[in-house]
């Protein structure tokens, strides 16, 4: 193929991508209102085990949540639904990132709690199917990836609002090899997509008594797409006169998060997808590692809550899956409880995780037989959250550690 033919083929491919995204913009203009969970009964919680260590940590998380919600399950207010089939083997066999029958079951749930899933990469032997996470976010329009990071003893209480359905990940599987020497990927930022994630961040700040929202871009270099994101932030900020806002570039922000002199300056952060993926992993490491951090993927109709780490196939291959830390998925479960209206239970579970994982640490997870198993740590969490003095214990540990 000569250069002219290559360019013509690339134009046709790019035109298809543009048409798909313009159609998506029109759908965004017609989206509905947020679900009011107080009027929903039963609230159906789907449990998706995923791959690798996913089933292990998913089982422990379900035990904790079923224990906390035992009265609501008994009364019919809450129902748990186990959904199989999101394994890499089943996805590869059907050549679908989410098989149709699995997606149909997910749509029957109001929220899902999902274990990690493997995303194929070039040369790993699996077919080139899209990330199950990315597909689920797009199929269910889960536009807000909300990731809290808490280290109370250091005054760190950050909530990241990462846009979930745009940026590099929106069309990450639709790039094109124009020639043997030139590969092009696409980046997508829309006014509607940027506005709703930034508005969600400001609304969260207002609702939780925060004073500042930080917008993270690279708008000095990536002027068109990041520039749009920053312009939309200026527009949205006018609706929230009591909330301050500032803009940071992604490169210096990665340094600021590990600077003790600046860490207390940040409260709520909003940022495009790729920057959010990188920055929240760094932030989780400050908290104690990606194994300790949960993640919410929220849309106006559905919600999906997950661990932020991967499926750890090496742990499974070496027979260590039973030593996987369930904290990240349990933390996501606490966020789910808050999202569907059980704020008190979610708050208690967050504090129990702080006590078990950061302060008291009577049981330590190492990922090997030098530490406790997932089941043992799950039991430790349940005993802690059910302690009537859990909040007093948390206050005491924060005071002592601080």
Protein backbone atom coordinates (compact mmCIF):
# COMPACT_ATOMS: atom_id res chain seq x y z
CA UNK A 1 0.00 0.00 0.00
CA UNK A 2 1.44 3.40 -0.96
CA UNK A 3 1.14 6.52 1.19
CA UNK A 4 -1.94 7.84 -0.63
CA UNK A 5 -3.82 4.58 -0.11
CA UNK A 6 -2.73 4.45 3.53
CA UNK A 7 -3.97 7.98 4.15
CA UNK A 8 -7.30 7.28 2.43
CA UNK A 9 -7.80 4.14 4.56
CA UNK A 10 -6.94 6.10 7.70
CA UNK A 11 -9.40 8.86 6.75
CA UNK A 12 -12.19 6.31 6.34
CA UNK A 13 -11.37 4.71 9.69
CA UNK A 14 -11.13 8.07 11.44
CA UNK A 15 -14.44 9.14 9.89
CA UNK A 16 -16.15 6.09 11.39
CA UNK A 17 -14.72 6.87 14.83
CA UNK A 18 -15.86 10.49 14.58
CA UNK A 19 -19.37 9.46 13.56
CA UNK A 20 -19.64 7.10 16.52
CA UNK A 21 -18.52 9.81 18.93
CA UNK A 22 -20.86 12.44 17.49
CA UNK A 23 -23.75 9.98 17.91
CA UNK A 24 -22.61 9.45 21.50
CA UNK A 25 -22.68 13.22 22.15
CA UNK A 26 -26.32 13.32 21.07
CA UNK A 27 -27.13 10.51 23.51
CA UNK A 28 -25.39 12.41 26.31
CA UNK A 29 -27.65 15.38 25.68
CA UNK A 30 -30.68 13.19 26.44
CA UNK A 31 -29.51 11.44 29.63
CA UNK A 32 -31.96 11.15 32.54
CA UNK A 33 -31.86 11.85 36.26
CA UNK A 34 -30.02 10.06 39.08
CA UNK A 35 -31.64 6.98 40.64
CA UNK A 36 -33.29 7.57 44.03
CA UNK A 37 -32.42 4.38 45.93
CA UNK A 38 -34.74 5.23 48.82
CA UNK A 39 -37.66 4.35 46.53
CA UNK A 40 -36.12 1.12 45.16
CA UNK A 41 -37.01 -2.29 46.60
CA UNK A 42 -35.32 -4.63 46.37
CA UNK A 43 -31.96 -3.08 45.63
CA UNK A 44 -30.21 -5.79 43.58
CA UNK A 45 -26.46 -6.11 44.17
CA UNK A 46 -24.64 -8.16 41.54
CA UNK A 47 -21.42 -9.98 42.52
CA UNK A 48 -18.90 -10.50 39.69
CA UNK A 49 -15.90 -12.63 40.65
CA UNK A 50 -13.69 -11.82 37.65
CA UNK A 51 -10.29 -13.43 37.04
CA UNK A 52 -7.23 -14.50 38.99
CA UNK A 53 -7.57 -13.52 42.64
CA UNK A 54 -10.95 -11.93 41.86
CA UNK A 55 -13.15 -14.82 43.06
CA UNK A 56 -11.18 -15.07 46.33
CA UNK A 57 -11.54 -11.42 47.32
CA UNK A 58 -15.08 -11.25 45.93
CA UNK A 59 -16.18 -14.13 48.19
CA UNK A 60 -14.78 -12.41 51.28
CA UNK A 61 -16.33 -9.09 50.35
CA UNK A 62 -19.73 -10.70 49.84
CA UNK A 63 -19.50 -12.29 53.29
CA UNK A 64 -18.78 -8.92 54.89
CA UNK A 65 -21.59 -7.15 53.02
CA UNK A 66 -24.15 -9.89 53.59
CA UNK A 67 -23.31 -9.77 57.28
CA UNK A 68 -23.74 -6.01 57.47
CA UNK A 69 -26.94 -6.09 55.40
CA UNK A 70 -28.42 -9.19 57.02
CA UNK A 71 -31.52 -7.33 58.25
CA UNK A 72 -32.11 -5.68 54.88
CA UNK A 73 -31.72 -9.03 53.08
CA UNK A 74 -34.17 -10.67 55.51
CA UNK A 75 -36.73 -7.91 54.96
CA UNK A 76 -36.41 -8.04 51.17
CA UNK A 77 -34.95 -4.53 50.85
CA UNK A 78 -31.64 -5.89 49.45
CA UNK A 79 -30.93 -8.90 47.24
CA UNK A 80 -27.55 -10.35 46.24
CA UNK A 81 -27.14 -11.89 42.78
CA UNK A 82 -24.01 -13.87 41.83
CA UNK A 83 -23.16 -13.46 38.13
CA UNK A 84 -20.73 -15.88 36.51
CA UNK A 85 -19.08 -15.68 33.11
CA UNK A 86 -16.84 -12.61 33.31
CA UNK A 87 -13.69 -14.74 33.21
CA UNK A 88 -11.04 -14.19 30.56
CA UNK A 89 -11.62 -17.74 29.30
CA UNK A 90 -15.32 -17.10 28.63
CA UNK A 91 -14.70 -13.65 27.19
CA UNK A 92 -11.98 -14.99 24.88
CA UNK A 93 -14.12 -17.92 23.74
CA UNK A 94 -16.97 -15.57 22.80
CA UNK A 95 -14.64 -12.81 21.55
CA UNK A 96 -16.55 -10.27 23.64
CA UNK A 97 -15.21 -8.08 26.42
CA UNK A 98 -18.53 -8.68 28.19
CA UNK A 99 -20.53 -11.62 26.82
CA UNK A 100 -24.10 -10.68 25.91
CA UNK A 101 -25.70 -12.99 28.47
CA UNK A 102 -23.48 -11.61 31.25
CA UNK A 103 -24.27 -8.02 30.29
CA UNK A 104 -27.99 -8.84 30.33
CA UNK A 105 -27.66 -10.10 33.92
CA UNK A 106 -25.68 -7.02 34.93
CA UNK A 107 -28.45 -4.81 33.59
CA UNK A 108 -30.87 -6.57 35.96
CA UNK A 109 -28.86 -5.20 38.92
CA UNK A 110 -28.85 -1.70 40.33
CA UNK A 111 -25.21 -1.93 41.40
CA UNK A 112 -22.48 -4.51 40.98
CA UNK A 113 -19.35 -5.34 42.94
CA UNK A 114 -16.67 -6.61 40.57
CA UNK A 115 -13.45 -8.50 41.14
CA UNK A 116 -10.47 -7.66 38.87
CA UNK A 117 -10.52 -8.88 35.27
CA UNK A 118 -7.61 -9.56 32.92
CA UNK A 119 -7.22 -7.23 29.94
CA UNK A 120 -5.33 -8.83 27.03
CA UNK A 121 -2.19 -7.09 25.85
CA UNK A 122 -0.15 -7.54 22.70
CA UNK A 123 1.61 -10.91 22.67
CA UNK A 124 0.04 -12.46 25.78
CA UNK A 125 -1.82 -15.14 23.84
CA UNK A 126 -5.35 -13.85 24.38
CA UNK A 127 -7.43 -12.32 21.56
CA UNK A 128 -7.45 -8.52 21.26
CA UNK A 129 -10.71 -7.85 23.09
CA UNK A 130 -11.41 -4.59 24.88
CA UNK A 131 -11.02 -4.23 28.64
CA UNK A 132 -14.12 -5.50 30.46
CA UNK A 133 -13.90 -2.43 32.69
CA UNK A 134 -13.85 -0.03 29.77
CA UNK A 135 -16.72 -1.87 28.07
CA UNK A 136 -18.85 -1.87 31.20
CA UNK A 137 -18.26 1.82 31.76
CA UNK A 138 -19.32 2.57 28.19
CA UNK A 139 -22.27 0.12 28.04
CA UNK A 140 -23.74 1.35 31.34
CA UNK A 141 -22.51 4.94 30.98
CA UNK A 142 -20.57 4.79 34.24
CA UNK A 143 -18.96 8.15 33.66
CA UNK A 144 -17.65 8.90 37.17
CA UNK A 145 -14.77 6.83 38.53
CA UNK A 146 -14.64 7.88 42.18
CA UNK A 147 -11.58 6.84 44.19
CA UNK A 148 -11.10 7.95 47.80
CA UNK A 149 -7.71 7.82 49.49
CA UNK A 150 -7.59 8.24 53.26
CA UNK A 151 -4.65 8.42 55.65
CA UNK A 152 -6.27 10.22 58.62
CA UNK A 153 -3.08 10.30 60.70
CA UNK A 154 -1.42 12.41 57.96
CA UNK A 155 -4.43 14.59 57.27
CA UNK A 156 -4.93 12.99 53.86
CA UNK A 157 -8.56 12.73 52.78
CA UNK A 158 -8.67 12.88 48.98
CA UNK A 159 -11.49 12.00 46.61
CA UNK A 160 -10.62 11.66 42.93
CA UNK A 161 -13.28 12.08 40.24
CA UNK A 162 -11.77 10.47 37.15
CA UNK A 163 -13.76 10.75 33.94
CA UNK A 164 -14.49 7.21 32.87
CA UNK A 165 -15.88 7.09 29.35
CA UNK A 166 -13.71 9.45 27.29
CA UNK A 167 -10.04 10.41 26.79
CA UNK A 168 -7.56 7.77 25.52
CA UNK A 169 -9.60 4.86 26.87
CA UNK A 170 -12.82 5.72 25.02
CA UNK A 171 -11.44 4.55 21.67
CA UNK A 172 -8.33 2.79 22.88
CA UNK A 173 -9.04 -0.30 20.79
CA UNK A 174 -9.84 1.76 17.66
CA UNK A 175 -6.38 3.10 16.87
CA UNK A 176 -4.90 2.46 13.48
CA UNK A 177 -1.57 1.38 12.02
CA UNK A 178 -1.46 3.84 9.13
CA UNK A 179 1.68 2.10 7.84
CA UNK A 180 4.31 -0.27 9.17
CA UNK A 181 6.04 2.77 10.67
CA UNK A 182 3.16 4.98 11.85
CA UNK A 183 0.60 4.11 14.52
CA UNK A 184 -2.11 6.54 15.63
CA UNK A 185 -4.46 6.40 18.62
CA UNK A 186 -7.32 8.80 19.34
CA UNK A 187 -8.22 11.02 22.30
CA UNK A 188 -11.79 12.12 22.94
CA UNK A 189 -13.03 14.92 25.23
CA UNK A 190 -16.59 16.23 24.88
CA UNK A 191 -18.20 19.26 26.49
CA UNK A 192 -20.96 17.09 27.93
CA UNK A 193 -18.60 14.44 29.28
CA UNK A 194 -16.26 16.96 30.88
CA UNK A 195 -19.11 18.96 32.37
CA UNK A 196 -20.84 16.08 34.13
CA UNK A 197 -17.67 14.71 35.78
CA UNK A 198 -16.53 18.15 36.91
CA UNK A 199 -20.01 18.98 38.17
CA UNK A 200 -20.07 15.69 40.10
CA UNK A 201 -16.79 16.67 41.78
CA UNK A 202 -18.06 20.12 42.76
CA UNK A 203 -21.37 18.68 43.97
CA UNK A 204 -19.50 16.15 46.12
CA UNK A 205 -17.36 18.93 47.58
CA UNK A 206 -20.44 20.96 48.42
CA UNK A 207 -22.32 17.97 49.88
CA UNK A 208 -19.42 16.86 52.08
CA UNK A 209 -18.31 20.28 53.30
CA UNK A 210 -15.11 20.48 51.28
CA UNK A 211 -13.69 23.83 50.28
CA UNK A 212 -11.65 23.14 47.14
CA UNK A 213 -11.73 21.24 43.87
CA UNK A 214 -8.48 20.70 41.95
CA UNK A 215 -8.59 20.20 38.18
CA UNK A 216 -5.69 18.19 36.72
CA UNK A 217 -4.75 18.51 33.04
CA UNK A 218 -1.79 19.19 30.75
CA UNK A 219 -3.59 22.08 29.07
CA UNK A 220 -0.39 24.03 28.42
CA UNK A 221 0.73 21.33 25.96
CA UNK A 222 -2.40 19.36 25.04
CA UNK A 223 -4.29 22.52 24.21
CA UNK A 224 -7.41 21.28 22.44
CA UNK A 225 -8.74 18.42 24.55
CA UNK A 226 -7.21 19.31 27.92
CA UNK A 227 -7.94 22.95 27.13
CA UNK A 228 -11.62 22.08 26.72
CA UNK A 229 -11.60 20.22 30.06
CA UNK A 230 -10.12 23.25 31.80
CA UNK A 231 -12.54 25.66 30.10
CA UNK A 232 -15.49 23.56 31.24
CA UNK A 233 -14.12 23.65 34.81
CA UNK A 234 -14.20 27.45 34.73
CA UNK A 235 -17.83 27.31 33.59
CA UNK A 236 -18.94 24.75 36.19
CA UNK A 237 -17.19 26.58 39.04
CA UNK A 238 -19.56 29.52 38.57
CA UNK A 239 -22.42 27.32 39.85
CA UNK A 240 -20.58 26.74 43.14
CA UNK A 241 -19.51 30.15 44.46
CA UNK A 242 -18.63 28.72 47.89
CA UNK A 243 -16.10 26.25 46.46
CA UNK A 244 -12.59 27.35 45.50
CA UNK A 245 -10.88 25.68 42.56
CA UNK A 246 -7.41 25.54 41.09
CA UNK A 247 -5.71 23.89 38.12
CA UNK A 248 -2.60 21.69 38.24
CA UNK A 249 -0.62 20.00 35.49
CA UNK A 250 -0.41 16.22 35.73
CA UNK A 251 3.39 16.04 35.84
CA UNK A 252 3.87 18.37 38.82
CA UNK A 253 0.79 16.92 40.52
CA UNK A 254 2.46 13.50 40.68
CA UNK A 255 5.24 15.18 42.66
CA UNK A 256 2.89 17.23 44.86
CA UNK A 257 1.02 14.15 46.09
CA UNK A 258 4.17 12.75 47.68
CA UNK A 259 5.23 16.11 49.14
CA UNK A 260 4.19 16.16 52.83
CA UNK A 261 4.12 19.96 52.74
CA UNK A 262 1.39 19.92 50.06
CA UNK A 263 -0.65 16.81 50.80
CA UNK A 264 -3.19 18.53 53.04
CA UNK A 265 -3.89 21.12 50.34
CA UNK A 266 -5.89 18.70 48.20
CA UNK A 267 -9.45 17.58 48.86
CA UNK A 268 -11.47 16.78 45.73
CA UNK A 269 -9.75 16.31 42.37
CA UNK A 270 -11.30 16.01 38.89
CA UNK A 271 -9.33 14.84 35.88
CA UNK A 272 -9.52 13.05 32.52
CA UNK A 273 -9.34 9.28 32.30
CA UNK A 274 -5.67 8.48 31.64
CA UNK A 275 -4.30 11.01 34.13
CA UNK A 276 -6.78 9.72 36.68
CA UNK A 277 -5.71 6.13 36.18
CA UNK A 278 -2.07 6.98 36.84
CA UNK A 279 -2.57 9.47 39.66
CA UNK A 280 -4.98 7.36 41.68
CA UNK A 281 -2.59 4.40 41.67
CA UNK A 282 0.11 6.69 43.03
CA UNK A 283 -2.29 8.01 45.66
CA UNK A 284 -3.30 4.49 46.65
CA UNK A 285 0.35 3.64 47.25
CA UNK A 286 0.53 6.46 49.79
CA UNK A 287 -2.43 4.87 51.58
CA UNK A 288 -0.73 1.48 51.70
CA UNK A 289 -0.83 0.13 48.17
CA UNK A 290 -3.36 -0.51 45.43
CA UNK A 291 -4.56 -3.51 47.43
CA UNK A 292 -6.07 -1.10 49.98
CA UNK A 293 -7.98 1.20 47.61
CA UNK A 294 -11.51 0.82 46.33
CA UNK A 295 -13.15 2.40 43.33
CA UNK A 296 -16.67 3.41 42.33
CA UNK A 297 -17.87 3.64 38.73
CA UNK A 298 -21.08 5.61 38.84
CA UNK A 299 -23.66 6.64 36.30
CA UNK A 300 -27.10 8.09 36.76
CA UNK A 301 -28.76 4.67 36.45
CA UNK A 302 -26.13 2.03 37.30
CA UNK A 303 -23.13 1.73 39.59
CA UNK A 304 -20.16 -0.66 39.52
CA UNK A 305 -17.72 -0.89 42.43
CA UNK A 306 -14.34 -2.58 42.17
CA UNK A 307 -10.81 -3.02 43.41
CA UNK A 308 -8.34 -0.77 41.59
CA UNK A 309 -5.67 -3.47 41.19
CA UNK A 310 -5.36 -6.24 38.65
CA UNK A 311 -6.09 -9.95 38.74
CA UNK A 312 -2.59 -10.97 39.95
CA UNK A 313 -2.20 -14.09 37.78
CA UNK A 314 1.23 -14.81 39.30
CA UNK A 315 -0.37 -15.26 42.72
CA UNK A 316 -2.74 -17.83 41.25
CA UNK A 317 0.03 -19.57 39.30
CA UNK A 318 2.13 -19.95 42.45
CA UNK A 319 -0.78 -21.16 44.59
CA UNK A 320 -1.10 -17.99 46.67
CA UNK A 321 -4.60 -16.80 45.75
CA UNK A 322 -5.87 -17.53 49.27
CA UNK A 323 -3.46 -14.89 50.60
CA UNK A 324 -4.83 -12.07 48.42
CA UNK A 325 -5.77 -8.93 50.34
CA UNK A 326 -9.54 -8.29 50.07
CA UNK A 327 -9.25 -4.73 51.44
CA UNK A 328 -9.55 -2.96 48.10
CA UNK A 329 -12.79 -4.69 47.17
CA UNK A 330 -14.17 -4.38 50.71
CA UNK A 331 -13.37 -0.66 50.53
CA UNK A 332 -15.33 -0.53 47.29
CA UNK A 333 -18.14 -2.29 49.14
CA UNK A 334 -18.14 0.47 51.74
CA UNK A 335 -18.46 3.02 48.95
CA UNK A 336 -21.33 1.01 47.49
CA UNK A 337 -23.15 1.01 50.83
CA UNK A 338 -22.90 4.80 50.96
CA UNK A 339 -24.06 5.12 47.35
CA UNK A 340 -27.25 3.08 47.83
CA UNK A 341 -28.26 4.86 51.00
CA UNK A 342 -26.57 3.02 53.87
CA UNK A 343 -24.17 5.82 54.81
CA UNK A 344 -23.79 4.76 58.45
CA UNK A 345 -22.85 1.19 57.56
CA UNK A 346 -20.47 2.39 54.86
CA UNK A 347 -18.81 4.84 57.24
CA UNK A 348 -18.33 2.16 59.89
CA UNK A 349 -16.82 -0.20 57.33
CA UNK A 350 -14.38 2.50 56.14
CA UNK A 351 -13.25 3.03 59.74
CA UNK A 352 -12.92 -0.68 60.38
CA UNK A 353 -10.67 -0.95 57.31
CA UNK A 354 -8.55 1.96 58.58
CA UNK A 355 -8.15 0.26 61.95
CA UNK A 356 -7.39 -3.18 60.53
CA UNK A 357 -5.11 -2.06 57.72
CA UNK A 358 -3.38 1.11 58.94
CA UNK A 359 -3.42 1.35 62.72
CA UNK A 360 -4.10 -1.72 64.82
CA UNK A 361 -2.89 -4.32 62.29
CA UNK A 362 -3.40 -7.35 64.53
CA UNK A 363 -3.41 -9.37 61.31
CA UNK A 364 -1.06 -8.56 58.46
CA UNK A 365 -1.44 -9.56 54.83
CA UNK A 366 1.77 -10.20 52.88
CA UNK A 367 0.39 -12.05 49.87
CA UNK A 368 2.19 -15.17 51.10
CA UNK A 369 2.03 -17.71 53.89
CA UNK A 370 4.02 -15.27 56.04
CA UNK A 371 0.73 -13.41 56.54
CA UNK A 372 -2.93 -14.25 57.10
CA UNK A 373 -5.36 -15.50 54.48
CA UNK A 374 -8.13 -13.53 52.82
CA UNK A 375 -10.70 -15.39 54.91
CA UNK A 376 -8.90 -14.61 58.16
CA UNK A 377 -8.58 -10.94 57.31
CA UNK A 378 -12.24 -10.79 56.25
CA UNK A 379 -13.25 -12.18 59.64
CA UNK A 380 -11.02 -9.59 61.33
CA UNK A 381 -12.83 -6.81 59.44
CA UNK A 382 -16.26 -8.17 60.40
CA UNK A 383 -15.34 -8.41 64.07
CA UNK A 384 -14.00 -4.86 64.00
CA UNK A 385 -16.96 -3.26 62.23
CA UNK A 386 -19.38 -4.95 64.62
CA UNK A 387 -17.55 -3.68 67.70
CA UNK A 388 -19.87 -1.05 69.28
CA UNK A 389 -16.75 0.96 70.11
CA UNK A 390 -15.37 0.97 66.57
CA UNK A 391 -15.75 4.73 66.12
CA UNK A 392 -14.10 5.47 69.46
CA UNK A 393 -11.27 3.09 68.54
CA UNK A 394 -10.85 4.89 65.22
CA UNK A 395 -10.77 8.30 66.89
CA UNK A 396 -8.16 7.06 69.36
CA UNK A 397 -5.91 5.58 66.68
CA UNK A 398 -6.09 8.72 64.57
CA UNK A 399 -5.20 10.86 67.60
CA UNK A 400 -2.30 8.64 68.61
CA UNK A 401 -0.94 8.16 65.09
CA UNK A 402 -1.37 11.82 64.25
